[in-house]
Amino acid sequence: MTPGEVLAEAGRRLPAARCAAETGVAGAPGAQTVTIEVPRQDWLAALAFARDVAGCDFFDWLTAVDEQDRGFAIVAHLYGLDSGLHLLARTLVPREDPALPSATGLFRGAGWAERETHEMFGVVFDGHPGLAPLLLPDGFEGHPLRKDFPLAARAAQEWPGAGEPGERRASERSRRRLVPPGVPEGWPPA
């Protein structure tokens, strides 16, 4: 299918979707990319459409983007091995209820990416066969790719770019140490 045909068919089969076609977004320069943005209740329908209708049979990756007040944008990149078509499926989940149905029933390769997205952003994939920790050490608390996650390492050590090389520093007593954004006051403990 051509990108234009994919857009037309998506308009018929996914009426709530917003669709666009662009050149050179994913893959090699000149590659055609179709983006389909759907409400979260249509997430699996959009992925099934990509596989069964658009011919995107290769599940490449899935991730999230912390859109702060808007929630989390979940994005999956699918590729048509025969057609060379790139397709981005996108949905938004609210921060208060970051949950989506798992895509592992459609693409077995989605399992690892969903585990990583769950661990890094806290998005729950309902029906996933095992959202066990993948990258972080045992006992790690929080979701480090969320924008509200405190970056404690910034408060633990001096930032190397605080002064230019050769620049004379002001008296240490006159400088008040500022805590980076997101780091709780009083951290690190004395």
Protein backbone atom coordinates (compact mmCIF):
# COMPACT_ATOMS: atom_id res chain seq x y z
CA MET A 1 0.00 0.00 0.00
CA THR A 2 1.11 3.53 -0.67
CA PRO A 3 1.09 6.06 2.19
CA GLY A 4 -1.95 7.74 0.60
CA GLU A 5 -3.85 4.45 0.52
CA VAL A 6 -2.90 3.78 4.15
CA LEU A 7 -4.23 7.21 5.15
CA ALA A 8 -7.51 6.68 3.29
CA GLU A 9 -8.02 3.21 4.76
CA ALA A 10 -7.12 4.42 8.27
CA GLY A 11 -9.75 7.14 7.92
CA ARG A 12 -12.38 4.49 7.18
CA ARG A 13 -11.34 1.89 9.77
CA LEU A 14 -10.17 4.18 12.60
CA PRO A 15 -12.59 7.14 12.52
CA ALA A 16 -11.20 8.73 15.72
CA ALA A 17 -7.61 8.67 14.41
CA ARG A 18 -5.59 11.65 13.29
CA CYS A 19 -3.32 10.60 10.43
CA ALA A 20 -0.48 12.21 8.50
CA ALA A 21 2.14 11.15 5.96
CA GLU A 22 5.63 12.64 5.83
CA THR A 23 8.83 11.99 3.95
CA GLY A 24 12.17 11.37 5.64
CA VAL A 25 10.94 11.12 9.25
CA ALA A 26 12.01 7.56 10.04
CA GLY A 27 14.61 5.40 8.35
CA ALA A 28 16.56 6.49 5.31
CA PRO A 29 16.16 9.95 3.75
CA GLY A 30 13.20 9.91 1.42
CA ALA A 31 11.44 7.12 3.33
CA GLN A 32 7.68 7.49 3.70
CA THR A 33 6.33 7.59 7.26
CA VAL A 34 2.67 7.44 8.19
CA THR A 35 1.71 8.61 11.68
CA ILE A 36 -1.55 7.45 13.22
CA GLU A 37 -2.60 9.05 16.50
CA VAL A 38 -5.51 7.35 18.25
CA PRO A 39 -7.35 7.54 21.59
CA ARG A 40 -6.07 4.90 23.98
CA GLN A 41 -9.17 2.71 23.59
CA ASP A 42 -8.19 2.29 19.90
CA TRP A 43 -4.52 1.43 20.59
CA LEU A 44 -4.74 -2.27 19.72
CA ALA A 45 -7.00 -1.54 16.74
CA ALA A 46 -4.37 0.86 15.36
CA LEU A 47 -1.59 -1.72 15.79
CA ALA A 48 -3.72 -4.43 14.19
CA PHE A 49 -4.50 -2.06 11.31
CA ALA A 50 -0.78 -1.40 10.84
CA ARG A 51 0.00 -5.11 10.73
CA ASP A 52 -3.00 -6.51 8.83
CA VAL A 53 -3.94 -3.68 6.47
CA ALA A 54 -0.85 -1.48 6.03
CA GLY A 55 1.48 -4.49 5.90
CA CYS A 56 3.78 -3.29 8.69
CA ASP A 57 4.85 -6.71 9.90
CA PHE A 58 8.01 -5.72 11.79
CA PHE A 59 7.64 -4.29 15.32
CA ASP A 60 10.71 -2.07 15.72
CA TRP A 61 10.31 -0.19 19.01
CA LEU A 62 7.92 1.27 21.56
CA THR A 63 8.59 4.03 24.05
CA ALA A 64 6.92 6.81 26.01
CA VAL A 65 7.36 10.57 26.13
CA ASP A 66 6.53 12.42 29.34
CA GLU A 67 4.25 15.22 28.15
CA GLN A 68 3.89 16.43 31.76
CA ASP A 69 0.35 17.79 32.26
CA ARG A 70 -0.97 16.01 29.14
CA GLY A 71 0.18 12.58 30.35
CA PHE A 72 2.41 10.10 28.55
CA ALA A 73 2.59 9.76 24.79
CA ILE A 74 3.14 6.11 23.87
CA VAL A 75 4.73 5.68 20.45
CA ALA A 76 5.40 2.48 18.50
CA HIS A 77 7.39 2.27 15.27
CA LEU A 78 6.33 -0.44 12.83
CA TYR A 79 7.91 -1.24 9.47
CA GLY A 80 6.71 -3.02 6.34
CA LEU A 81 9.48 -5.34 5.22
CA ASP A 82 8.05 -5.71 1.72
CA SER A 83 6.78 -2.16 1.19
CA GLY A 84 9.41 -0.17 3.09
CA LEU A 85 6.63 1.79 4.81
CA HIS A 86 7.35 3.24 8.24
CA LEU A 87 4.35 3.69 10.53
CA LEU A 88 4.27 5.48 13.88
CA ALA A 89 1.30 4.61 16.09
CA ARG A 90 0.78 7.10 18.89
CA THR A 91 -1.61 7.47 21.80
CA LEU A 92 -1.81 9.49 25.00
CA VAL A 93 -2.45 8.06 28.47
CA PRO A 94 -3.24 10.26 31.48
CA ARG A 95 -0.65 10.61 34.24
CA GLU A 96 -3.26 9.53 36.84
CA ASP A 97 -3.99 6.25 35.01
CA PRO A 98 -1.04 5.34 32.78
CA ALA A 99 -2.36 2.05 31.38
CA LEU A 100 -2.75 0.51 27.94
CA PRO A 101 -3.58 -2.98 26.71
CA SER A 102 -0.47 -4.99 25.86
CA ALA A 103 0.52 -5.37 22.22
CA THR A 104 2.19 -8.74 22.86
CA GLY A 105 -0.84 -10.57 21.43
CA LEU A 106 -0.24 -8.83 18.08
CA PHE A 107 3.56 -8.55 18.12
CA ARG A 108 5.58 -10.88 20.33
CA GLY A 109 8.50 -8.46 20.02
CA ALA A 110 6.56 -5.83 21.95
CA GLY A 111 7.20 -7.64 25.25
CA TRP A 112 10.68 -6.31 25.91
CA ALA A 113 9.80 -2.73 24.87
CA GLU A 114 6.69 -2.73 27.10
CA ARG A 115 8.75 -3.97 30.04
CA GLU A 116 11.28 -1.19 29.51
CA THR A 117 8.55 1.47 29.15
CA HIS A 118 6.82 0.17 32.28
CA GLU A 119 10.04 0.33 34.26
CA MET A 120 11.23 3.73 33.02
CA PHE A 121 7.88 5.57 32.91
CA GLY A 122 5.47 3.54 35.06
CA VAL A 123 3.05 2.78 32.22
CA VAL A 124 1.14 -0.45 32.91
CA PHE A 125 0.47 -2.75 29.94
CA ASP A 126 -2.63 -4.77 30.82
CA GLY A 127 -2.37 -8.38 29.72
CA HIS A 128 1.43 -8.37 29.44
CA PRO A 129 2.79 -11.84 30.32
CA GLY A 130 5.33 -10.47 32.82
CA LEU A 131 6.23 -6.85 33.56
CA ALA A 132 9.29 -7.91 35.58
CA PRO A 133 12.13 -5.37 36.05
CA LEU A 134 14.48 -5.33 33.10
CA LEU A 135 17.14 -2.63 33.46
CA LEU A 136 17.15 -1.19 36.97
CA PRO A 137 18.72 -2.80 40.05
CA ASP A 138 16.56 -4.64 42.58
CA GLY A 139 14.89 -2.30 45.06
CA PHE A 140 15.06 0.76 42.77
CA GLU A 141 12.19 3.12 43.52
CA GLY A 142 10.57 5.39 40.98
CA HIS A 143 10.58 5.76 37.21
CA PRO A 144 13.75 7.55 36.08
CA LEU A 145 12.58 8.84 32.68
CA ARG A 146 9.64 10.75 34.10
CA LYS A 147 10.26 14.48 34.16
CA ASP A 148 9.23 14.65 37.83
CA PHE A 149 11.90 12.11 38.88
CA PRO A 150 14.52 13.80 41.13
CA LEU A 151 18.01 13.59 39.68
CA ALA A 152 19.93 13.05 42.91
CA ALA A 153 23.30 12.77 41.17
CA ARG A 154 23.13 16.46 40.30
CA ALA A 155 22.94 17.38 43.97
CA ALA A 156 25.59 14.85 45.05
CA GLN A 157 28.45 16.30 43.03
CA GLU A 158 29.51 19.70 41.74
CA TRP A 159 28.53 20.38 38.17
CA PRO A 160 31.75 20.59 36.11
CA GLY A 161 30.43 23.48 34.02
CA ALA A 162 29.85 25.75 37.03
CA GLY A 163 32.81 27.91 36.02
CA GLU A 164 34.96 28.42 32.96
CA PRO A 165 38.51 27.03 33.01
CA GLY A 166 40.90 29.64 34.38
CA GLU A 167 38.03 31.74 35.73
CA ARG A 168 38.65 33.09 39.21
CA ARG A 169 36.09 31.77 41.65
CA ALA A 170 34.34 34.00 44.15
CA SER A 171 34.68 33.20 47.80
CA GLU A 172 33.00 29.87 48.54
CA ARG A 173 31.28 31.41 51.54
CA SER A 174 29.58 34.04 49.41
CA ARG A 175 28.09 31.50 47.03
CA ARG A 176 24.87 29.83 48.00
CA ARG A 177 24.56 26.31 46.62
CA LEU A 178 21.34 25.95 44.65
CA VAL A 179 19.55 22.63 44.52
CA PRO A 180 18.75 21.47 40.96
CA PRO A 181 15.07 21.29 39.95
CA GLY A 182 13.31 18.17 41.17
CA VAL A 183 15.76 17.44 43.99
CA PRO A 184 14.17 17.62 47.45
CA GLU A 185 15.46 20.31 49.84
CA GLY A 186 18.06 19.00 52.25
CA TRP A 187 19.39 16.41 49.83
CA PRO A 188 21.93 14.89 50.16
CA PRO A 189 21.59 14.16 53.86
CA ALA A 190 24.49 15.50 55.90
